[in-house]
Structure formats: structure tokens, C-alpha cells
Amino acid sequence: MTNNKQQTAVQWYAEKLYDLEMAYNQGVIKTNTYIKGKREAVEQAKEMEKDQMIQAWKKGDGQFDKVSDKMSLEYYKKEYEGKK
């Protein structure tokens, strides 16, 4: 990605999945490597999404000049991990 805009977790995952599928279809990687790569990509994308949600919450909450990491993590857990 050449522009300065940060890539979303979904965009990153889509590109990673595309790269894995291309490598698998071209015979560059074997099935077990492909499956492991997909699993790892999902976990990494989830972590990226979590970090991006926390950062968005910190930036979007105009009531506080500084929001602690603890508060933003609590918000994330309440809003997203509790709704599985």
C-alpha cells in the first residue's frame, strides 16, 4: 500500500489471504503451510482489529484529554469480547 493511510485489519487480512491462496495454487506452499498461514493470519487480524478499535475509542472520546490504556481495553472487552 503506497499511501499514508493506515491499512485496516480487514484489508491486511484480505491481502494476506490472497497471497497465501496464490502461493498455494502455484504450488509454492503445501496444504499444511497454507492452513497454518490462514490460522495465523486470522489471529493476527483479530489482534490488529483490537488495537485499531482501542485507538479509535481513544481518539473519538472528546470528554477526556487523556484516556488510559486500561480504560480503552475495558471498553473493548465489554463491547466486543463479551458479545461472542
PDB file of N, CA and C in Angstrom:
ATOM      1  N   MET A   1       0.851  -1.171   0.000  1.00  0.00           N
ATOM      2  CA  MET A   1       0.000   0.000   0.000  1.00  0.00           C
ATOM      3  C   MET A   1       0.900   1.238   0.000  1.00  0.00           C
ATOM      4  N   THR A   2       0.694   2.135  -0.914  1.00  0.00           N
ATOM      5  CA  THR A   2       1.621   3.234  -1.084  1.00  0.00           C
ATOM      6  C   THR A   2       1.178   4.525  -0.428  1.00  0.00           C
ATOM      7  N   ASN A   3      -0.086   4.707  -0.097  1.00  0.00           N
ATOM      8  CA  ASN A   3      -0.492   5.965   0.521  1.00  0.00           C
ATOM      9  C   ASN A   3      -0.219   5.932   2.020  1.00  0.00           C
ATOM     10  N   ASN A   4      -0.414   7.070   2.679  1.00  0.00           N
ATOM     11  CA  ASN A   4      -0.095   7.189   4.096  1.00  0.00           C
ATOM     12  C   ASN A   4      -1.227   6.709   4.998  1.00  0.00           C
ATOM     13  N   LYS A   5      -2.344   6.379   4.451  1.00  0.00           N
ATOM     14  CA  LYS A   5      -3.487   5.942   5.239  1.00  0.00           C
ATOM     15  C   LYS A   5      -3.210   4.546   5.819  1.00  0.00           C
ATOM     16  N   GLN A   6      -3.543   4.382   7.094  1.00  0.00           N
ATOM     17  CA  GLN A   6      -3.300   3.098   7.744  1.00  0.00           C
ATOM     18  C   GLN A   6      -4.238   2.034   7.182  1.00  0.00           C
ATOM     19  N   GLN A   7      -3.704   0.866   6.989  1.00  0.00           N
ATOM     20  CA  GLN A   7      -4.465  -0.261   6.478  1.00  0.00           C
ATOM     21  C   GLN A   7      -5.314  -0.847   7.599  1.00  0.00           C
ATOM     22  N   THR A   8      -6.574  -1.156   7.299  1.00  0.00           N
ATOM     23  CA  THR A   8      -7.422  -1.782   8.308  1.00  0.00           C
ATOM     24  C   THR A   8      -7.049  -3.252   8.448  1.00  0.00           C
ATOM     25  N   ALA A   9      -7.490  -3.843   9.548  1.00  0.00           N
ATOM     26  CA  ALA A   9      -7.240  -5.264   9.782  1.00  0.00           C
ATOM     27  C   ALA A   9      -7.866  -6.105   8.671  1.00  0.00           C
ATOM     28  N   VAL A  10      -9.034  -5.711   8.210  1.00  0.00           N
ATOM     29  CA  VAL A  10      -9.723  -6.459   7.153  1.00  0.00           C
ATOM     30  C   VAL A  10      -8.951  -6.363   5.843  1.00  0.00           C
ATOM     31  N   GLN A  11      -8.455  -5.175   5.528  1.00  0.00           N
ATOM     32  CA  GLN A  11      -7.658  -5.015   4.307  1.00  0.00           C
ATOM     33  C   GLN A  11      -6.384  -5.856   4.382  1.00  0.00           C
ATOM     34  N   TRP A  12      -5.720  -5.809   5.532  1.00  0.00           N
ATOM     35  CA  TRP A  12      -4.499  -6.595   5.714  1.00  0.00           C
ATOM     36  C   TRP A  12      -4.799  -8.080   5.548  1.00  0.00           C
ATOM     37  N   TYR A  13      -5.881  -8.551   6.178  1.00  0.00           N
ATOM     38  CA  TYR A  13      -6.237  -9.967   6.110  1.00  0.00           C
ATOM     39  C   TYR A  13      -6.558 -10.383   4.675  1.00  0.00           C
ATOM     40  N   ALA A  14      -7.297  -9.544   3.962  1.00  0.00           N
ATOM     41  CA  ALA A  14      -7.647  -9.867   2.575  1.00  0.00           C
ATOM     42  C   ALA A  14      -6.392 -10.018   1.718  1.00  0.00           C
ATOM     43  N   GLU A  15      -5.431  -9.117   1.891  1.00  0.00           N
ATOM     44  CA  GLU A  15      -4.183  -9.212   1.128  1.00  0.00           C
ATOM     45  C   GLU A  15      -3.379 -10.449   1.523  1.00  0.00           C
ATOM     46  N   LYS A  16      -3.312 -10.733   2.811  1.00  0.00           N
ATOM     47  CA  LYS A  16      -2.572 -11.904   3.297  1.00  0.00           C
ATOM     48  C   LYS A  16      -3.207 -13.189   2.759  1.00  0.00           C
ATOM     49  N   LEU A  17      -4.523 -13.261   2.809  1.00  0.00           N
ATOM     50  CA  LEU A  17      -5.229 -14.438   2.305  1.00  0.00           C
ATOM     51  C   LEU A  17      -5.010 -14.609   0.807  1.00  0.00           C
ATOM     52  N   TYR A  18      -5.055 -13.522   0.071  1.00  0.00           N
ATOM     53  CA  TYR A  18      -4.801 -13.560  -1.369  1.00  0.00           C
ATOM     54  C   TYR A  18      -3.392 -14.105  -1.645  1.00  0.00           C
ATOM     55  N   ASP A  19      -2.394 -13.585  -0.907  1.00  0.00           N
ATOM     56  CA  ASP A  19      -1.020 -14.051  -1.090  1.00  0.00           C
ATOM     57  C   ASP A  19      -0.884 -15.543  -0.785  1.00  0.00           C
ATOM     58  N   LEU A  20      -1.525 -15.988   0.306  1.00  0.00           N
ATOM     59  CA  LEU A  20      -1.481 -17.409   0.662  1.00  0.00           C
ATOM     60  C   LEU A  20      -2.140 -18.270  -0.411  1.00  0.00           C
ATOM     61  N   GLU A  21      -3.296 -17.837  -0.910  1.00  0.00           N
ATOM     62  CA  GLU A  21      -4.006 -18.602  -1.939  1.00  0.00           C
ATOM     63  C   GLU A  21      -3.198 -18.676  -3.229  1.00  0.00           C
ATOM     64  N   MET A  22      -2.574 -17.563  -3.595  1.00  0.00           N
ATOM     65  CA  MET A  22      -1.747 -17.569  -4.808  1.00  0.00           C
ATOM     66  C   MET A  22      -0.572 -18.537  -4.648  1.00  0.00           C
ATOM     67  N   ALA A  23       0.095 -18.485  -3.513  1.00  0.00           N
ATOM     68  CA  ALA A  23       1.240 -19.370  -3.271  1.00  0.00           C
ATOM     69  C   ALA A  23       0.802 -20.834  -3.272  1.00  0.00           C
ATOM     70  N   TYR A  24      -0.354 -21.105  -2.673  1.00  0.00           N
ATOM     71  CA  TYR A  24      -0.866 -22.477  -2.629  1.00  0.00           C
ATOM     72  C   TYR A  24      -1.253 -22.961  -4.030  1.00  0.00           C
ATOM     73  N   ASN A  25      -1.977 -22.135  -4.755  1.00  0.00           N
ATOM     74  CA  ASN A  25      -2.425 -22.511  -6.104  1.00  0.00           C
ATOM     75  C   ASN A  25      -1.269 -22.695  -7.081  1.00  0.00           C
ATOM     76  N   GLN A  26      -0.177 -21.983  -6.862  1.00  0.00           N
ATOM     77  CA  GLN A  26       1.003 -22.107  -7.725  1.00  0.00           C
ATOM     78  C   GLN A  26       1.953 -23.201  -7.253  1.00  0.00           C
ATOM     79  N   GLY A  27       1.604 -23.866  -6.168  1.00  0.00           N
ATOM     80  CA  GLY A  27       2.421 -24.959  -5.669  1.00  0.00           C
ATOM     81  C   GLY A  27       3.653 -24.522  -4.888  1.00  0.00           C
ATOM     82  N   VAL A  28       3.694 -23.261  -4.521  1.00  0.00           N
ATOM     83  CA  VAL A  28       4.837 -22.733  -3.771  1.00  0.00           C
ATOM     84  C   VAL A  28       4.803 -23.229  -2.327  1.00  0.00           C
ATOM     85  N   ILE A  29       3.596 -23.358  -1.765  1.00  0.00           N
ATOM     86  CA  ILE A  29       3.443 -23.872  -0.404  1.00  0.00           C
ATOM     87  C   ILE A  29       2.511 -25.072  -0.419  1.00  0.00           C
ATOM     88  N   LYS A  30       2.680 -25.923   0.575  1.00  0.00           N
ATOM     89  CA  LYS A  30       1.849 -27.124   0.686  1.00  0.00           C
ATOM     90  C   LYS A  30       0.614 -26.838   1.526  1.00  0.00           C
ATOM     91  N   THR A  31      -0.299 -27.789   1.545  1.00  0.00           N
ATOM     92  CA  THR A  31      -1.578 -27.632   2.232  1.00  0.00           C
ATOM     93  C   THR A  31      -1.414 -27.271   3.697  1.00  0.00           C
ATOM     94  N   ASN A  32      -0.530 -27.972   4.409  1.00  0.00           N
ATOM     95  CA  ASN A  32      -0.384 -27.696   5.838  1.00  0.00           C
ATOM     96  C   ASN A  32       0.139 -26.284   6.099  1.00  0.00           C
ATOM     97  N   THR A  33       1.023 -25.804   5.251  1.00  0.00           N
ATOM     98  CA  THR A  33       1.538 -24.438   5.379  1.00  0.00           C
ATOM     99  C   THR A  33       0.444 -23.424   5.073  1.00  0.00           C
ATOM    100  N   TYR A  34      -0.368 -23.720   4.079  1.00  0.00           N
ATOM    101  CA  TYR A  34      -1.493 -22.855   3.713  1.00  0.00           C
ATOM    102  C   TYR A  34      -2.485 -22.741   4.862  1.00  0.00           C
ATOM    103  N   ILE A  35      -2.860 -23.864   5.438  1.00  0.00           N
ATOM    104  CA  ILE A  35      -3.828 -23.872   6.542  1.00  0.00           C
ATOM    105  C   ILE A  35      -3.257 -23.164   7.766  1.00  0.00           C
ATOM    106  N   LYS A  36      -2.002 -23.442   8.092  1.00  0.00           N
ATOM    107  CA  LYS A  36      -1.356 -22.788   9.229  1.00  0.00           C
ATOM    108  C   LYS A  36      -1.283 -21.279   8.993  1.00  0.00           C
ATOM    109  N   GLY A  37      -0.950 -20.872   7.790  1.00  0.00           N
ATOM    110  CA  GLY A  37      -0.870 -19.451   7.453  1.00  0.00           C
ATOM    111  C   GLY A  37      -2.203 -18.751   7.595  1.00  0.00           C
ATOM    112  N   LYS A  38      -3.279 -19.424   7.180  1.00  0.00           N
ATOM    113  CA  LYS A  38      -4.617 -18.833   7.328  1.00  0.00           C
ATOM    114  C   LYS A  38      -4.972 -18.653   8.795  1.00  0.00           C
ATOM    115  N   ARG A  39      -4.684 -19.688   9.602  1.00  0.00           N
ATOM    116  CA  ARG A  39      -4.976 -19.627  11.041  1.00  0.00           C
ATOM    117  C   ARG A  39      -4.216 -18.471  11.697  1.00  0.00           C
ATOM    118  N   GLU A  40      -2.936 -18.372  11.382  1.00  0.00           N
ATOM    119  CA  GLU A  40      -2.118 -17.302  11.948  1.00  0.00           C
ATOM    120  C   GLU A  40      -2.594 -15.925  11.487  1.00  0.00           C
ATOM    121  N   ALA A  41      -3.004 -15.829  10.239  1.00  0.00           N
ATOM    122  CA  ALA A  41      -3.487 -14.551   9.710  1.00  0.00           C
ATOM    123  C   ALA A  41      -4.764 -14.109  10.414  1.00  0.00           C
ATOM    124  N   VAL A  42      -5.650 -15.046  10.694  1.00  0.00           N
ATOM    125  CA  VAL A  42      -6.893 -14.715  11.402  1.00  0.00           C
ATOM    126  C   VAL A  42      -6.563 -14.152  12.784  1.00  0.00           C
ATOM    127  N   GLU A  43      -5.674 -14.827  13.497  1.00  0.00           N
ATOM    128  CA  GLU A  43      -5.311 -14.368  14.843  1.00  0.00           C
ATOM    129  C   GLU A  43      -4.631 -13.002  14.801  1.00  0.00           C
ATOM    130  N   GLN A  44      -3.756 -12.792  13.845  1.00  0.00           N
ATOM    131  CA  GLN A  44      -3.082 -11.503  13.732  1.00  0.00           C
ATOM    132  C   GLN A  44      -4.073 -10.403  13.360  1.00  0.00           C
ATOM    133  N   ALA A  45      -4.999 -10.694  12.468  1.00  0.00           N
ATOM    134  CA  ALA A  45      -6.008  -9.705  12.081  1.00  0.00           C
ATOM    135  C   ALA A  45      -6.905  -9.351  13.269  1.00  0.00           C
ATOM    136  N   LYS A  46      -7.244 -10.329  14.088  1.00  0.00           N
ATOM    137  CA  LYS A  46      -8.047 -10.055  15.289  1.00  0.00           C
ATOM    138  C   LYS A  46      -7.299  -9.116  16.232  1.00  0.00           C
ATOM    139  N   GLU A  47      -6.020  -9.365  16.419  1.00  0.00           N
ATOM    140  CA  GLU A  47      -5.212  -8.512  17.297  1.00  0.00           C
ATOM    141  C   GLU A  47      -5.099  -7.104  16.720  1.00  0.00           C
ATOM    142  N   MET A  48      -4.924  -7.007  15.401  1.00  0.00           N
ATOM    143  CA  MET A  48      -4.871  -5.700  14.748  1.00  0.00           C
ATOM    144  C   MET A  48      -6.185  -4.958  14.927  1.00  0.00           C
ATOM    145  N   GLU A  49      -7.298  -5.660  14.754  1.00  0.00           N
ATOM    146  CA  GLU A  49      -8.617  -5.055  14.908  1.00  0.00           C
ATOM    147  C   GLU A  49      -8.806  -4.551  16.332  1.00  0.00           C
ATOM    148  N   LYS A  50      -8.396  -5.356  17.288  1.00  0.00           N
ATOM    149  CA  LYS A  50      -8.490  -4.948  18.698  1.00  0.00           C
ATOM    150  C   LYS A  50      -7.709  -3.653  18.918  1.00  0.00           C
ATOM    151  N   ASP A  51      -6.470  -3.609  18.448  1.00  0.00           N
ATOM    152  CA  ASP A  51      -5.643  -2.410  18.610  1.00  0.00           C
ATOM    153  C   ASP A  51      -6.265  -1.202  17.911  1.00  0.00           C
ATOM    154  N   GLN A  52      -6.806  -1.425  16.721  1.00  0.00           N
ATOM    155  CA  GLN A  52      -7.419  -0.328  15.972  1.00  0.00           C
ATOM    156  C   GLN A  52      -8.680   0.180  16.663  1.00  0.00           C
ATOM    157  N   MET A  53      -9.457  -0.718  17.249  1.00  0.00           N
ATOM    158  CA  MET A  53     -10.664  -0.305  17.972  1.00  0.00           C
ATOM    159  C   MET A  53     -10.292   0.509  19.209  1.00  0.00           C
ATOM    160  N   ILE A  54      -9.276   0.083  19.919  1.00  0.00           N
ATOM    161  CA  ILE A  54      -8.826   0.809  21.103  1.00  0.00           C
ATOM    162  C   ILE A  54      -8.352   2.206  20.715  1.00  0.00           C
ATOM    163  N   GLN A  55      -7.555   2.301  19.652  1.00  0.00           N
ATOM    164  CA  GLN A  55      -7.065   3.603  19.198  1.00  0.00           C
ATOM    165  C   GLN A  55      -8.215   4.509  18.752  1.00  0.00           C
ATOM    166  N   ALA A  56      -9.196   3.942  18.063  1.00  0.00           N
ATOM    167  CA  ALA A  56     -10.350   4.728  17.619  1.00  0.00           C
ATOM    168  C   ALA A  56     -11.131   5.251  18.813  1.00  0.00           C
ATOM    169  N   TRP A  57     -11.276   4.419  19.822  1.00  0.00           N
ATOM    170  CA  TRP A  57     -12.003   4.837  21.016  1.00  0.00           C
ATOM    171  C   TRP A  57     -11.269   5.975  21.705  1.00  0.00           C
ATOM    172  N   LYS A  58      -9.951   5.857  21.806  1.00  0.00           N
ATOM    173  CA  LYS A  58      -9.163   6.910  22.441  1.00  0.00           C
ATOM    174  C   LYS A  58      -9.308   8.230  21.680  1.00  0.00           C
ATOM    175  N   LYS A  59      -9.254   8.171  20.367  1.00  0.00           N
ATOM    176  CA  LYS A  59      -9.339   9.387  19.551  1.00  0.00           C
ATOM    177  C   LYS A  59     -10.746   9.969  19.553  1.00  0.00           C
ATOM    178  N   GLY A  60     -11.755   9.109  19.609  1.00  0.00           N
ATOM    179  CA  GLY A  60     -13.134   9.566  19.470  1.00  0.00           C
ATOM    180  C   GLY A  60     -13.784  10.055  20.739  1.00  0.00           C
ATOM    181  N   ASP A  61     -13.183   9.818  21.879  1.00  0.00           N
ATOM    182  CA  ASP A  61     -13.804  10.214  23.127  1.00  0.00           C
ATOM    183  C   ASP A  61     -13.337  11.611  23.507  1.00  0.00           C
ATOM    184  N   GLY A  62     -14.121  12.623  23.149  1.00  0.00           N
ATOM    185  CA  GLY A  62     -13.744  14.006  23.392  1.00  0.00           C
ATOM    186  C   GLY A  62     -13.937  14.460  24.826  1.00  0.00           C
ATOM    187  N   GLN A  63     -14.468  13.630  25.690  1.00  0.00           N
ATOM    188  CA  GLN A  63     -14.717  14.029  27.079  1.00  0.00           C
ATOM    189  C   GLN A  63     -13.438  14.000  27.916  1.00  0.00           C
ATOM    190  N   PHE A  64     -12.426  13.309  27.455  1.00  0.00           N
ATOM    191  CA  PHE A  64     -11.192  13.176  28.210  1.00  0.00           C
ATOM    192  C   PHE A  64     -10.017  13.647  27.364  1.00  0.00           C
ATOM    193  N   ASP A  65      -9.106  14.366  27.995  1.00  0.00           N
ATOM    194  CA  ASP A  65      -7.890  14.754  27.280  1.00  0.00           C
ATOM    195  C   ASP A  65      -6.981  13.552  27.073  1.00  0.00           C
ATOM    196  N   LYS A  66      -6.872  12.714  28.103  1.00  0.00           N
ATOM    197  CA  LYS A  66      -6.052  11.508  28.014  1.00  0.00           C
ATOM    198  C   LYS A  66      -6.875  10.343  28.528  1.00  0.00           C
ATOM    199  N   VAL A  67      -6.924   9.297  27.758  1.00  0.00           N
ATOM    200  CA  VAL A  67      -7.647   8.091  28.151  1.00  0.00           C
ATOM    201  C   VAL A  67      -6.615   7.001  28.378  1.00  0.00           C
ATOM    202  N   SER A  68      -6.700   6.363  29.506  1.00  0.00           N
ATOM    203  CA  SER A  68      -5.702   5.343  29.813  1.00  0.00           C
ATOM    204  C   SER A  68      -5.901   4.100  28.964  1.00  0.00           C
ATOM    205  N   ASP A  69      -4.817   3.358  28.791  1.00  0.00           N
ATOM    206  CA  ASP A  69      -4.897   2.082  28.079  1.00  0.00           C
ATOM    207  C   ASP A  69      -5.866   1.143  28.781  1.00  0.00           C
ATOM    208  N   LYS A  70      -5.874   1.186  30.102  1.00  0.00           N
ATOM    209  CA  LYS A  70      -6.766   0.316  30.869  1.00  0.00           C
ATOM    210  C   LYS A  70      -8.233   0.599  30.538  1.00  0.00           C
ATOM    211  N   MET A  71      -8.602   1.869  30.468  1.00  0.00           N
ATOM    212  CA  MET A  71      -9.995   2.219  30.157  1.00  0.00           C
ATOM    213  C   MET A  71     -10.372   1.773  28.747  1.00  0.00           C
ATOM    214  N   SER A  72      -9.471   1.993  27.792  1.00  0.00           N
ATOM    215  CA  SER A  72      -9.793   1.622  26.420  1.00  0.00           C
ATOM    216  C   SER A  72      -9.863   0.109  26.269  1.00  0.00           C
ATOM    217  N   LEU A  73      -9.006  -0.629  26.974  1.00  0.00           N
ATOM    218  CA  LEU A  73      -9.054  -2.082  26.927  1.00  0.00           C
ATOM    219  C   LEU A  73     -10.340  -2.597  27.575  1.00  0.00           C
ATOM    220  N   GLU A  74     -10.753  -1.983  28.665  1.00  0.00           N
ATOM    221  CA  GLU A  74     -12.014  -2.368  29.310  1.00  0.00           C
ATOM    222  C   GLU A  74     -13.187  -2.145  28.356  1.00  0.00           C
ATOM    223  N   TYR A  75     -13.170  -1.019  27.652  1.00  0.00           N
ATOM    224  CA  TYR A  75     -14.216  -0.737  26.668  1.00  0.00           C
ATOM    225  C   TYR A  75     -14.250  -1.810  25.584  1.00  0.00           C
ATOM    226  N   TYR A  76     -13.069  -2.145  25.055  1.00  0.00           N
ATOM    227  CA  TYR A  76     -13.000  -3.155  24.006  1.00  0.00           C
ATOM    228  C   TYR A  76     -13.565  -4.477  24.504  1.00  0.00           C
ATOM    229  N   LYS A  77     -13.129  -4.913  25.674  1.00  0.00           N
ATOM    230  CA  LYS A  77     -13.594  -6.192  26.213  1.00  0.00           C
ATOM    231  C   LYS A  77     -15.100  -6.193  26.413  1.00  0.00           C
ATOM    232  N   LYS A  78     -15.632  -5.109  26.952  1.00  0.00           N
ATOM    233  CA  LYS A  78     -17.082  -5.016  27.194  1.00  0.00           C
ATOM    234  C   LYS A  78     -17.861  -5.053  25.882  1.00  0.00           C
ATOM    235  N   GLU A  79     -17.407  -4.280  24.909  1.00  0.00           N
ATOM    236  CA  GLU A  79     -18.149  -4.144  23.661  1.00  0.00           C
ATOM    237  C   GLU A  79     -17.967  -5.305  22.690  1.00  0.00           C
ATOM    238  N   TYR A  80     -16.791  -5.922  22.673  1.00  0.00           N
ATOM    239  CA  TYR A  80     -16.510  -6.905  21.628  1.00  0.00           C
ATOM    240  C   TYR A  80     -16.265  -8.310  22.132  1.00  0.00           C
ATOM    241  N   GLU A  81     -15.535  -8.472  23.209  1.00  0.00           N
ATOM    242  CA  GLU A  81     -15.267  -9.824  23.679  1.00  0.00           C
ATOM    243  C   GLU A  81     -16.468 -10.400  24.414  1.00  0.00           C
ATOM    244  N   GLY A  82     -17.289  -9.571  24.977  1.00  0.00           N
ATOM    245  CA  GLY A  82     -18.466 -10.049  25.710  1.00  0.00           C
ATOM    246  C   GLY A  82     -19.621 -10.419  24.810  1.00  0.00           C
ATOM    247  N   LYS A  83     -19.509 -10.176  23.505  1.00  0.00           N
ATOM    248  CA  LYS A  83     -20.618 -10.416  22.571  1.00  0.00           C
ATOM    249  C   LYS A  83     -20.358 -11.567  21.625  1.00  0.00           C
ATOM    250  N   LYS A  84     -19.534 -12.504  22.045  1.00  0.00           N
ATOM    251  CA  LYS A  84     -19.211 -13.644  21.171  1.00  0.00           C
ATOM    252  C   LYS A  84     -20.330 -14.636  21.147  1.00  0.00           C
TER     253      LYS A  84
END
